[in-house]
Amino acid sequence: GGGRSDHCFWVAIMEAFTASKSKRSFCNELGLSFERMTEAQSTCSQLLRGLQSLGFQKAEADKNAGDWRVVRAAVVAGLYPQVSQVEKPPPKFAEGLSGAVQVQNEAR
C-alpha cells in the first residue's frame, strides 16, 4: 500500500545495511546474504561515482533523498530504455572542392 513497491523496499534495506554498524549481524537477522549485500553496496558506489563523473553533484542527490517518486522514475527509466528512438535522416551530400561531402545531419 501507499504506492511503494519492491524497489522502494530494497532502497530502504540498502540504506539500513549501509547505516548498520555490524553488517554481518544485520544480514543474519534478516536472512540476507552478506556477500550479495556487500556486492550491491559496491555496485551502488560504482554507480554514484559514474554519476559524479557525468556532472551530478551530491547536493542534487541529497535534495531528492527520501522522495520515492524520484526512485520510481529512475527505475522506470531504467526498465524502459526503448521508449524513445532517435531517427537519423538519410545522409545528404553537398558538392565540395574535392568532391561530394556529407552534410551534418540533425537528429529528430
PDB file of N, CA and C in Angstrom:
ATOM      1  N   GLY A   1       0.802  -1.185   0.000  1.00  0.00           N
ATOM      2  CA  GLY A   1       0.000   0.000   0.000  1.00  0.00           C
ATOM      3  C   GLY A   1       0.847   1.252   0.000  1.00  0.00           C
ATOM      4  N   GLY A   2       0.202   2.381  -0.188  1.00  0.00           N
ATOM      5  CA  GLY A   2       0.881   3.661  -0.142  1.00  0.00           C
ATOM      6  C   GLY A   2       1.695   3.964  -1.382  1.00  0.00           C
ATOM      7  N   GLY A   3       1.588   3.137  -2.419  1.00  0.00           N
ATOM      8  CA  GLY A   3       2.300   3.411  -3.667  1.00  0.00           C
ATOM      9  C   GLY A   3       3.754   2.983  -3.672  1.00  0.00           C
ATOM     10  N   ARG A   4       4.217   2.387  -2.586  1.00  0.00           N
ATOM     11  CA  ARG A   4       5.601   1.926  -2.545  1.00  0.00           C
ATOM     12  C   ARG A   4       5.643   0.466  -2.969  1.00  0.00           C
ATOM     13  N   SER A   5       6.644   0.103  -3.725  1.00  0.00           N
ATOM     14  CA  SER A   5       6.725  -1.278  -4.169  1.00  0.00           C
ATOM     15  C   SER A   5       8.095  -1.855  -3.856  1.00  0.00           C
ATOM     16  N   ASP A   6       8.423  -2.973  -4.487  1.00  0.00           N
ATOM     17  CA  ASP A   6       9.640  -3.718  -4.161  1.00  0.00           C
ATOM     18  C   ASP A   6      10.910  -2.891  -4.263  1.00  0.00           C
ATOM     19  N   HIS A   7      11.047  -2.078  -5.312  1.00  0.00           N
ATOM     20  CA  HIS A   7      12.289  -1.312  -5.450  1.00  0.00           C
ATOM     21  C   HIS A   7      12.453  -0.308  -4.311  1.00  0.00           C
ATOM     22  N   CYS A   8      11.346   0.230  -3.813  1.00  0.00           N
ATOM     23  CA  CYS A   8      11.428   1.139  -2.663  1.00  0.00           C
ATOM     24  C   CYS A   8      11.852   0.374  -1.410  1.00  0.00           C
ATOM     25  N   PHE A   9      11.363  -0.858  -1.284  1.00  0.00           N
ATOM     26  CA  PHE A   9      11.753  -1.716  -0.168  1.00  0.00           C
ATOM     27  C   PHE A   9      13.258  -1.969  -0.206  1.00  0.00           C
ATOM     28  N   TRP A  10      13.793  -2.271  -1.386  1.00  0.00           N
ATOM     29  CA  TRP A  10      15.226  -2.570  -1.498  1.00  0.00           C
ATOM     30  C   TRP A  10      16.073  -1.331  -1.229  1.00  0.00           C
ATOM     31  N   VAL A  11      15.584  -0.169  -1.597  1.00  0.00           N
ATOM     32  CA  VAL A  11      16.311   1.057  -1.259  1.00  0.00           C
ATOM     33  C   VAL A  11      16.387   1.205   0.254  1.00  0.00           C
ATOM     34  N   ALA A  12      15.269   0.966   0.941  1.00  0.00           N
ATOM     35  CA  ALA A  12      15.250   1.078   2.401  1.00  0.00           C
ATOM     36  C   ALA A  12      16.176   0.045   3.037  1.00  0.00           C
ATOM     37  N   ILE A  13      16.201  -1.172   2.504  1.00  0.00           N
ATOM     38  CA  ILE A  13      17.097  -2.219   3.026  1.00  0.00           C
ATOM     39  C   ILE A  13      18.553  -1.800   2.831  1.00  0.00           C
ATOM     40  N   MET A  14      18.886  -1.267   1.643  1.00  0.00           N
ATOM     41  CA  MET A  14      20.272  -0.846   1.389  1.00  0.00           C
ATOM     42  C   MET A  14      20.670   0.299   2.313  1.00  0.00           C
ATOM     43  N   GLU A  15      19.754   1.236   2.549  1.00  0.00           N
ATOM     44  CA  GLU A  15      20.054   2.337   3.463  1.00  0.00           C
ATOM     45  C   GLU A  15      20.313   1.818   4.871  1.00  0.00           C
ATOM     46  N   ALA A  16      19.494   0.860   5.327  1.00  0.00           N
ATOM     47  CA  ALA A  16      19.676   0.292   6.662  1.00  0.00           C
ATOM     48  C   ALA A  16      20.976  -0.506   6.733  1.00  0.00           C
ATOM     49  N   PHE A  17      21.291  -1.244   5.668  1.00  0.00           N
ATOM     50  CA  PHE A  17      22.531  -2.024   5.622  1.00  0.00           C
ATOM     51  C   PHE A  17      23.736  -1.098   5.687  1.00  0.00           C
ATOM     52  N   THR A  18      23.707  -0.033   4.918  1.00  0.00           N
ATOM     53  CA  THR A  18      24.811   0.923   4.881  1.00  0.00           C
ATOM     54  C   THR A  18      25.007   1.590   6.243  1.00  0.00           C
ATOM     55  N   ALA A  19      23.916   1.888   6.933  1.00  0.00           N
ATOM     56  CA  ALA A  19      23.999   2.563   8.231  1.00  0.00           C
ATOM     57  C   ALA A  19      24.327   1.602   9.373  1.00  0.00           C
ATOM     58  N   SER A  20      24.197   0.317   9.132  1.00  0.00           N
ATOM     59  CA  SER A  20      24.408  -0.683  10.180  1.00  0.00           C
ATOM     60  C   SER A  20      25.870  -0.738  10.622  1.00  0.00           C
ATOM     61  N   LYS A  21      26.081  -0.831  11.939  1.00  0.00           N
ATOM     62  CA  LYS A  21      27.442  -0.951  12.468  1.00  0.00           C
ATOM     63  C   LYS A  21      27.981  -2.352  12.260  1.00  0.00           C
ATOM     64  N   SER A  22      27.128  -3.360  12.433  1.00  0.00           N
ATOM     65  CA  SER A  22      27.530  -4.747  12.214  1.00  0.00           C
ATOM     66  C   SER A  22      26.737  -5.290  11.030  1.00  0.00           C
ATOM     67  N   LYS A  23      27.295  -5.136   9.852  1.00  0.00           N
ATOM     68  CA  LYS A  23      26.598  -5.517   8.624  1.00  0.00           C
ATOM     69  C   LYS A  23      26.304  -7.019   8.564  1.00  0.00           C
ATOM     70  N   ARG A  24      27.250  -7.818   9.033  1.00  0.00           N
ATOM     71  CA  ARG A  24      27.048  -9.271   9.005  1.00  0.00           C
ATOM     72  C   ARG A  24      25.885  -9.670   9.924  1.00  0.00           C
ATOM     73  N   SER A  25      25.811  -9.083  11.114  1.00  0.00           N
ATOM     74  CA  SER A  25      24.703  -9.367  12.046  1.00  0.00           C
ATOM     75  C   SER A  25      23.371  -8.899  11.454  1.00  0.00           C
ATOM     76  N   PHE A  26      23.395  -7.741  10.828  1.00  0.00           N
ATOM     77  CA  PHE A  26      22.206  -7.204  10.168  1.00  0.00           C
ATOM     78  C   PHE A  26      21.667  -8.220   9.159  1.00  0.00           C
ATOM     79  N   CYS A  27      22.555  -8.750   8.333  1.00  0.00           N
ATOM     80  CA  CYS A  27      22.149  -9.720   7.314  1.00  0.00           C
ATOM     81  C   CYS A  27      21.639 -11.010   7.952  1.00  0.00           C
ATOM     82  N   ASN A  28      22.336 -11.490   8.978  1.00  0.00           N
ATOM     83  CA  ASN A  28      21.905 -12.725   9.659  1.00  0.00           C
ATOM     84  C   ASN A  28      20.515 -12.572  10.255  1.00  0.00           C
ATOM     85  N   GLU A  29      20.235 -11.417  10.873  1.00  0.00           N
ATOM     86  CA  GLU A  29      18.934 -11.186  11.497  1.00  0.00           C
ATOM     87  C   GLU A  29      17.799 -11.171  10.484  1.00  0.00           C
ATOM     88  N   LEU A  30      18.084 -10.677   9.270  1.00  0.00           N
ATOM     89  CA  LEU A  30      17.039 -10.559   8.248  1.00  0.00           C
ATOM     90  C   LEU A  30      17.072 -11.678   7.215  1.00  0.00           C
ATOM     91  N   GLY A  31      18.018 -12.612   7.379  1.00  0.00           N
ATOM     92  CA  GLY A  31      18.110 -13.727   6.430  1.00  0.00           C
ATOM     93  C   GLY A  31      18.629 -13.301   5.065  1.00  0.00           C
ATOM     94  N   LEU A  32      19.482 -12.296   5.044  1.00  0.00           N
ATOM     95  CA  LEU A  32      20.055 -11.799   3.795  1.00  0.00           C
ATOM     96  C   LEU A  32      21.467 -12.337   3.621  1.00  0.00           C
ATOM     97  N   SER A  33      21.913 -12.400   2.385  1.00  0.00           N
ATOM     98  CA  SER A  33      23.275 -12.828   2.098  1.00  0.00           C
ATOM     99  C   SER A  33      24.216 -11.636   2.275  1.00  0.00           C
ATOM    100  N   PHE A  34      25.142 -11.769   3.223  1.00  0.00           N
ATOM    101  CA  PHE A  34      26.109 -10.700   3.470  1.00  0.00           C
ATOM    102  C   PHE A  34      26.920 -10.410   2.208  1.00  0.00           C
ATOM    103  N   GLU A  35      27.321 -11.459   1.496  1.00  0.00           N
ATOM    104  CA  GLU A  35      28.131 -11.287   0.276  1.00  0.00           C
ATOM    105  C   GLU A  35      27.361 -10.521  -0.794  1.00  0.00           C
ATOM    106  N   ARG A  36      26.070 -10.859  -0.987  1.00  0.00           N
ATOM    107  CA  ARG A  36      25.271 -10.161  -2.013  1.00  0.00           C
ATOM    108  C   ARG A  36      25.008  -8.716  -1.610  1.00  0.00           C
ATOM    109  N   MET A  37      24.782  -8.476  -0.328  1.00  0.00           N
ATOM    110  CA  MET A  37      24.545  -7.106   0.126  1.00  0.00           C
ATOM    111  C   MET A  37      25.810  -6.264  -0.033  1.00  0.00           C
ATOM    112  N   THR A  38      26.966  -6.853   0.266  1.00  0.00           N
ATOM    113  CA  THR A  38      28.239  -6.146   0.086  1.00  0.00           C
ATOM    114  C   THR A  38      28.469  -5.852  -1.393  1.00  0.00           C
ATOM    115  N   GLU A  39      28.125  -6.825  -2.237  1.00  0.00           N
ATOM    116  CA  GLU A  39      28.253  -6.639  -3.686  1.00  0.00           C
ATOM    117  C   GLU A  39      27.318  -5.527  -4.162  1.00  0.00           C
ATOM    118  N   ALA A  40      26.089  -5.506  -3.652  1.00  0.00           N
ATOM    119  CA  ALA A  40      25.128  -4.462  -4.025  1.00  0.00           C
ATOM    120  C   ALA A  40      25.617  -3.088  -3.568  1.00  0.00           C
ATOM    121  N   GLN A  41      26.203  -3.024  -2.370  1.00  0.00           N
ATOM    122  CA  GLN A  41      26.743  -1.761  -1.866  1.00  0.00           C
ATOM    123  C   GLN A  41      27.888  -1.281  -2.761  1.00  0.00           C
ATOM    124  N   SER A  42      28.724  -2.198  -3.212  1.00  0.00           N
ATOM    125  CA  SER A  42      29.815  -1.851  -4.116  1.00  0.00           C
ATOM    126  C   SER A  42      29.280  -1.330  -5.454  1.00  0.00           C
ATOM    127  N   THR A  43      28.237  -1.970  -5.956  1.00  0.00           N
ATOM    128  CA  THR A  43      27.620  -1.528  -7.214  1.00  0.00           C
ATOM    129  C   THR A  43      27.023  -0.135  -7.055  1.00  0.00           C
ATOM    130  N   CYS A  44      26.383   0.121  -5.909  1.00  0.00           N
ATOM    131  CA  CYS A  44      25.830   1.463  -5.646  1.00  0.00           C
ATOM    132  C   CYS A  44      26.938   2.510  -5.650  1.00  0.00           C
ATOM    133  N   SER A  45      28.070   2.174  -5.037  1.00  0.00           N
ATOM    134  CA  SER A  45      29.198   3.110  -5.007  1.00  0.00           C
ATOM    135  C   SER A  45      29.732   3.368  -6.410  1.00  0.00           C
ATOM    136  N   GLN A  46      29.811   2.328  -7.226  1.00  0.00           N
ATOM    137  CA  GLN A  46      30.269   2.489  -8.610  1.00  0.00           C
ATOM    138  C   GLN A  46      29.310   3.378  -9.393  1.00  0.00           C
ATOM    139  N   LEU A  47      28.005   3.151  -9.214  1.00  0.00           N
ATOM    140  CA  LEU A  47      27.018   3.982  -9.906  1.00  0.00           C
ATOM    141  C   LEU A  47      27.118   5.434  -9.466  1.00  0.00           C
ATOM    142  N   LEU A  48      27.314   5.655  -8.178  1.00  0.00           N
ATOM    143  CA  LEU A  48      27.456   7.019  -7.664  1.00  0.00           C
ATOM    144  C   LEU A  48      28.669   7.706  -8.278  1.00  0.00           C
ATOM    145  N   ARG A  49      29.789   6.996  -8.324  1.00  0.00           N
ATOM    146  CA  ARG A  49      30.997   7.581  -8.944  1.00  0.00           C
ATOM    147  C   ARG A  49      30.759   7.870 -10.426  1.00  0.00           C
ATOM    148  N   GLY A  50      30.041   6.991 -11.108  1.00  0.00           N
ATOM    149  CA  GLY A  50      29.716   7.216 -12.516  1.00  0.00           C
ATOM    150  C   GLY A  50      28.861   8.452 -12.712  1.00  0.00           C
ATOM    151  N   LEU A  51      27.851   8.621 -11.857  1.00  0.00           N
ATOM    152  CA  LEU A  51      27.000   9.808 -11.943  1.00  0.00           C
ATOM    153  C   LEU A  51      27.789  11.072 -11.650  1.00  0.00           C
ATOM    154  N   GLN A  52      28.681  11.000 -10.662  1.00  0.00           N
ATOM    155  CA  GLN A  52      29.508  12.164 -10.334  1.00  0.00           C
ATOM    156  C   GLN A  52      30.434  12.506 -11.496  1.00  0.00           C
ATOM    157  N   SER A  53      30.936  11.499 -12.201  1.00  0.00           N
ATOM    158  CA  SER A  53      31.817  11.763 -13.347  1.00  0.00           C
ATOM    159  C   SER A  53      31.045  12.404 -14.499  1.00  0.00           C
ATOM    160  N   LEU A  54      29.708  12.222 -14.510  1.00  0.00           N
ATOM    161  CA  LEU A  54      28.868  12.846 -15.536  1.00  0.00           C
ATOM    162  C   LEU A  54      28.414  14.245 -15.140  1.00  0.00           C
ATOM    163  N   GLY A  55      28.783  14.671 -13.926  1.00  0.00           N
ATOM    164  CA  GLY A  55      28.458  16.022 -13.505  1.00  0.00           C
ATOM    165  C   GLY A  55      27.373  16.126 -12.451  1.00  0.00           C
ATOM    166  N   PHE A  56      26.790  15.003 -12.029  1.00  0.00           N
ATOM    167  CA  PHE A  56      25.797  15.053 -10.958  1.00  0.00           C
ATOM    168  C   PHE A  56      26.520  15.295  -9.642  1.00  0.00           C
ATOM    169  N   GLN A  57      25.967  16.166  -8.849  1.00  0.00           N
ATOM    170  CA  GLN A  57      26.584  16.535  -7.582  1.00  0.00           C
ATOM    171  C   GLN A  57      25.837  15.905  -6.413  1.00  0.00           C
ATOM    172  N   LYS A  58      26.539  15.670  -5.309  1.00  0.00           N
ATOM    173  CA  LYS A  58      25.927  15.085  -4.118  1.00  0.00           C
ATOM    174  C   LYS A  58      24.781  15.954  -3.605  1.00  0.00           C
ATOM    175  N   ALA A  59      24.906  17.262  -3.732  1.00  0.00           N
ATOM    176  CA  ALA A  59      23.844  18.158  -3.265  1.00  0.00           C
ATOM    177  C   ALA A  59      22.529  17.875  -3.990  1.00  0.00           C
ATOM    178  N   GLU A  60      22.607  17.531  -5.286  1.00  0.00           N
ATOM    179  CA  GLU A  60      21.402  17.200  -6.039  1.00  0.00           C
ATOM    180  C   GLU A  60      20.776  15.915  -5.509  1.00  0.00           C
ATOM    181  N   ALA A  61      21.626  14.946  -5.194  1.00  0.00           N
ATOM    182  CA  ALA A  61      21.126  13.675  -4.658  1.00  0.00           C
ATOM    183  C   ALA A  61      20.493  13.890  -3.297  1.00  0.00           C
ATOM    184  N   ASP A  62      21.138  14.691  -2.449  1.00  0.00           N
ATOM    185  CA  ASP A  62      20.605  14.952  -1.110  1.00  0.00           C
ATOM    186  C   ASP A  62      19.262  15.679  -1.186  1.00  0.00           C
ATOM    187  N   LYS A  63      19.120  16.550  -2.177  1.00  0.00           N
ATOM    188  CA  LYS A  63      17.882  17.320  -2.329  1.00  0.00           C
ATOM    189  C   LYS A  63      16.691  16.395  -2.590  1.00  0.00           C
ATOM    190  N   ASN A  64      16.934  15.289  -3.303  1.00  0.00           N
ATOM    191  CA  ASN A  64      15.861  14.358  -3.651  1.00  0.00           C
ATOM    192  C   ASN A  64      15.824  13.125  -2.761  1.00  0.00           C
ATOM    193  N   ALA A  65      16.673  13.069  -1.738  1.00  0.00           N
ATOM    194  CA  ALA A  65      16.702  11.906  -0.845  1.00  0.00           C
ATOM    195  C   ALA A  65      15.355  11.747  -0.162  1.00  0.00           C
ATOM    196  N   GLY A  66      14.867  10.541  -0.152  1.00  0.00           N
ATOM    197  CA  GLY A  66      13.594  10.261   0.504  1.00  0.00           C
ATOM    198  C   GLY A  66      12.381  10.517  -0.362  1.00  0.00           C
ATOM    199  N   ASP A  67      12.565  11.030  -1.559  1.00  0.00           N
ATOM    200  CA  ASP A  67      11.434  11.258  -2.469  1.00  0.00           C
ATOM    201  C   ASP A  67      11.259  10.002  -3.315  1.00  0.00           C
ATOM    202  N   TRP A  68      10.295   9.176  -2.947  1.00  0.00           N
ATOM    203  CA  TRP A  68      10.110   7.894  -3.631  1.00  0.00           C
ATOM    204  C   TRP A  68       9.688   8.077  -5.082  1.00  0.00           C
ATOM    205  N   ARG A  69       9.135   9.220  -5.442  1.00  0.00           N
ATOM    206  CA  ARG A  69       8.783   9.468  -6.847  1.00  0.00           C
ATOM    207  C   ARG A  69      10.038   9.479  -7.710  1.00  0.00           C
ATOM    208  N   VAL A  70      11.130  10.002  -7.171  1.00  0.00           N
ATOM    209  CA  VAL A  70      12.398  10.034  -7.899  1.00  0.00           C
ATOM    210  C   VAL A  70      12.921   8.606  -8.091  1.00  0.00           C
ATOM    211  N   VAL A  71      12.827   7.798  -7.032  1.00  0.00           N
ATOM    212  CA  VAL A  71      13.271   6.401  -7.128  1.00  0.00           C
ATOM    213  C   VAL A  71      12.451   5.667  -8.186  1.00  0.00           C
ATOM    214  N   ARG A  72      11.130   5.809  -8.129  1.00  0.00           N
ATOM    215  CA  ARG A  72      10.266   5.131  -9.108  1.00  0.00           C
ATOM    216  C   ARG A  72      10.560   5.611 -10.527  1.00  0.00           C
ATOM    217  N   ALA A  73      10.778   6.904 -10.696  1.00  0.00           N
ATOM    218  CA  ALA A  73      11.077   7.438 -12.028  1.00  0.00           C
ATOM    219  C   ALA A  73      12.387   6.867 -12.560  1.00  0.00           C
ATOM    220  N   ALA A  74      13.383   6.744 -11.692  1.00  0.00           N
ATOM    221  CA  ALA A  74      14.670   6.185 -12.120  1.00  0.00           C
ATOM    222  C   ALA A  74      14.532   4.722 -12.503  1.00  0.00           C
ATOM    223  N   VAL A  75      13.760   3.967 -11.731  1.00  0.00           N
ATOM    224  CA  VAL A  75      13.555   2.551 -12.051  1.00  0.00           C
ATOM    225  C   VAL A  75      12.814   2.405 -13.374  1.00  0.00           C
ATOM    226  N   VAL A  76      11.765   3.181 -13.560  1.00  0.00           N
ATOM    227  CA  VAL A  76      11.005   3.105 -14.811  1.00  0.00           C
ATOM    228  C   VAL A  76      11.895   3.477 -15.992  1.00  0.00           C
ATOM    229  N   ALA A  77      12.699   4.506 -15.832  1.00  0.00           N
ATOM    230  CA  ALA A  77      13.602   4.921 -16.912  1.00  0.00           C
ATOM    231  C   ALA A  77      14.581   3.804 -17.250  1.00  0.00           C
ATOM    232  N   GLY A  78      15.068   3.097 -16.241  1.00  0.00           N
ATOM    233  CA  GLY A  78      15.995   2.004 -16.472  1.00  0.00           C
ATOM    234  C   GLY A  78      15.342   0.786 -17.079  1.00  0.00           C
ATOM    235  N   LEU A  79      14.064   0.561 -16.767  1.00  0.00           N
ATOM    236  CA  LEU A  79      13.365  -0.615 -17.284  1.00  0.00           C
ATOM    237  C   LEU A  79      12.837  -0.415 -18.699  1.00  0.00           C
ATOM    238  N   TYR A  80      12.709   0.809 -19.137  1.00  0.00           N
ATOM    239  CA  TYR A  80      12.155   1.084 -20.453  1.00  0.00           C
ATOM    240  C   TYR A  80      13.136   1.871 -21.321  1.00  0.00           C
ATOM    241  N   PRO A  81      14.272   1.262 -21.672  1.00  0.00           N
ATOM    242  CA  PRO A  81      15.269   2.005 -22.452  1.00  0.00           C
ATOM    243  C   PRO A  81      14.841   2.266 -23.892  1.00  0.00           C
ATOM    244  N   GLN A  82      13.818   1.587 -24.374  1.00  0.00           N
ATOM    245  CA  GLN A  82      13.417   1.739 -25.769  1.00  0.00           C
ATOM    246  C   GLN A  82      12.156   2.591 -25.939  1.00  0.00           C
ATOM    247  N   VAL A  83      11.847   3.434 -24.963  1.00  0.00           N
ATOM    248  CA  VAL A  83      10.655   4.256 -25.055  1.00  0.00           C
ATOM    249  C   VAL A  83      10.772   5.257 -26.193  1.00  0.00           C
ATOM    250  N   SER A  84      11.930   5.823 -26.369  1.00  0.00           N
ATOM    251  CA  SER A  84      12.125   6.770 -27.458  1.00  0.00           C
ATOM    252  C   SER A  84      13.195   6.240 -28.403  1.00  0.00           C
ATOM    253  N   GLN A  85      13.174   6.762 -29.592  1.00  0.00           N
ATOM    254  CA  GLN A  85      14.131   6.317 -30.597  1.00  0.00           C
ATOM    255  C   GLN A  85      14.586   7.533 -31.387  1.00  0.00           C
ATOM    256  N   VAL A  86      15.875   7.617 -31.625  1.00  0.00           N
ATOM    257  CA  VAL A  86      16.421   8.701 -32.427  1.00  0.00           C
ATOM    258  C   VAL A  86      16.400   8.255 -33.881  1.00  0.00           C
ATOM    259  N   GLU A  87      15.724   9.033 -34.701  1.00  0.00           N
ATOM    260  CA  GLU A  87      15.656   8.718 -36.126  1.00  0.00           C
ATOM    261  C   GLU A  87      16.620   9.639 -36.865  1.00  0.00           C
ATOM    262  N   LYS A  88      17.574   9.019 -37.513  1.00  0.00           N
ATOM    263  CA  LYS A  88      18.527   9.796 -38.299  1.00  0.00           C
ATOM    264  C   LYS A  88      18.025   9.874 -39.734  1.00  0.00           C
ATOM    265  N   PRO A  89      17.963  11.081 -40.279  1.00  0.00           N
ATOM    266  CA  PRO A  89      17.535  11.202 -41.671  1.00  0.00           C
ATOM    267  C   PRO A  89      18.614  10.627 -42.600  1.00  0.00           C
ATOM    268  N   PRO A  90      18.234  10.284 -43.820  1.00  0.00           N
ATOM    269  CA  PRO A  90      19.239   9.767 -44.748  1.00  0.00           C
ATOM    270  C   PRO A  90      20.325  10.818 -44.989  1.00  0.00           C
ATOM    271  N   PRO A  91      21.553  10.380 -45.229  1.00  0.00           N
ATOM    272  CA  PRO A  91      22.641  11.344 -45.408  1.00  0.00           C
ATOM    273  C   PRO A  91      22.417  12.246 -46.624  1.00  0.00           C
ATOM    274  N   LYS A  92      22.850  13.502 -46.481  1.00  0.00           N
ATOM    275  CA  LYS A  92      22.780  14.469 -47.582  1.00  0.00           C
ATOM    276  C   LYS A  92      24.202  14.856 -47.939  1.00  0.00           C
ATOM    277  N   PHE A  93      24.407  15.117 -49.189  1.00  0.00           N
ATOM    278  CA  PHE A  93      25.740  15.459 -49.654  1.00  0.00           C
ATOM    279  C   PHE A  93      25.712  16.798 -50.369  1.00  0.00           C
ATOM    280  N   ALA A  94      26.819  17.520 -50.235  1.00  0.00           N
ATOM    281  CA  ALA A  94      26.987  18.804 -50.921  1.00  0.00           C
ATOM    282  C   ALA A  94      28.259  18.723 -51.748  1.00  0.00           C
ATOM    283  N   GLU A  95      28.288  19.474 -52.802  1.00  0.00           N
ATOM    284  CA  GLU A  95      29.460  19.487 -53.682  1.00  0.00           C
ATOM    285  C   GLU A  95      30.555  20.317 -53.021  1.00  0.00           C
ATOM    286  N   GLY A  96      31.716  19.713 -52.861  1.00  0.00           N
ATOM    287  CA  GLY A  96      32.854  20.410 -52.290  1.00  0.00           C
ATOM    288  C   GLY A  96      33.980  20.491 -53.300  1.00  0.00           C
ATOM    289  N   LEU A  97      35.106  21.130 -52.933  1.00  0.00           N
ATOM    290  CA  LEU A  97      36.245  21.258 -53.837  1.00  0.00           C
ATOM    291  C   LEU A  97      36.831  19.901 -54.210  1.00  0.00           C
ATOM    292  N   SER A  98      36.796  18.957 -53.269  1.00  0.00           N
ATOM    293  CA  SER A  98      37.385  17.643 -53.539  1.00  0.00           C
ATOM    294  C   SER A  98      36.325  16.603 -53.865  1.00  0.00           C
ATOM    295  N   GLY A  99      35.106  17.027 -54.178  1.00  0.00           N
ATOM    296  CA  GLY A  99      34.029  16.094 -54.499  1.00  0.00           C
ATOM    297  C   GLY A  99      32.872  16.250 -53.530  1.00  0.00           C
ATOM    298  N   ALA A 100      32.071  15.194 -53.441  1.00  0.00           N
ATOM    299  CA  ALA A 100      30.894  15.222 -52.568  1.00  0.00           C
ATOM    300  C   ALA A 100      31.323  15.108 -51.105  1.00  0.00           C
ATOM    301  N   VAL A 101      30.704  15.957 -50.259  1.00  0.00           N
ATOM    302  CA  VAL A 101      30.984  15.964 -48.826  1.00  0.00           C
ATOM    303  C   VAL A 101      29.657  15.801 -48.101  1.00  0.00           C
ATOM    304  N   GLN A 102      29.628  14.891 -47.122  1.00  0.00           N
ATOM    305  CA  GLN A 102      28.389  14.678 -46.380  1.00  0.00           C
ATOM    306  C   GLN A 102      28.100  15.884 -45.492  1.00  0.00           C
ATOM    307  N   VAL A 103      26.853  16.344 -45.544  1.00  0.00           N
ATOM    308  CA  VAL A 103      26.387  17.460 -44.731  1.00  0.00           C
ATOM    309  C   VAL A 103      25.959  16.911 -43.369  1.00  0.00           C
ATOM    310  N   GLN A 104      26.238  17.655 -42.298  1.00  0.00           N
ATOM    311  CA  GLN A 104      25.894  17.237 -40.938  1.00  0.00           C
ATOM    312  C   GLN A 104      24.384  17.096 -40.806  1.00  0.00           C
ATOM    313  N   ASN A 105      23.939  15.920 -40.330  1.00  0.00           N
ATOM    314  CA  ASN A 105      22.514  15.683 -40.077  1.00  0.00           C
ATOM    315  C   ASN A 105      22.171  16.113 -38.658  1.00  0.00           C
ATOM    316  N   GLU A 106      20.882  16.421 -38.445  1.00  0.00           N
ATOM    317  CA  GLU A 106      20.383  16.702 -37.111  1.00  0.00           C
ATOM    318  C   GLU A 106      19.391  15.629 -36.742  1.00  0.00           C
ATOM    319  N   ALA A 107      19.556  15.035 -35.552  1.00  0.00           N
ATOM    320  CA  ALA A 107      18.622  14.006 -35.081  1.00  0.00           C
ATOM    321  C   ALA A 107      17.313  14.656 -34.706  1.00  0.00           C
ATOM    322  N   ARG A 108      16.213  13.903 -34.890  1.00  0.00           N
ATOM    323  CA  ARG A 108      14.875  14.399 -34.525  1.00  0.00           C
ATOM    324  C   ARG A 108      14.362  13.625 -33.361  1.00  0.00           C
TER     325      ARG A 108
END
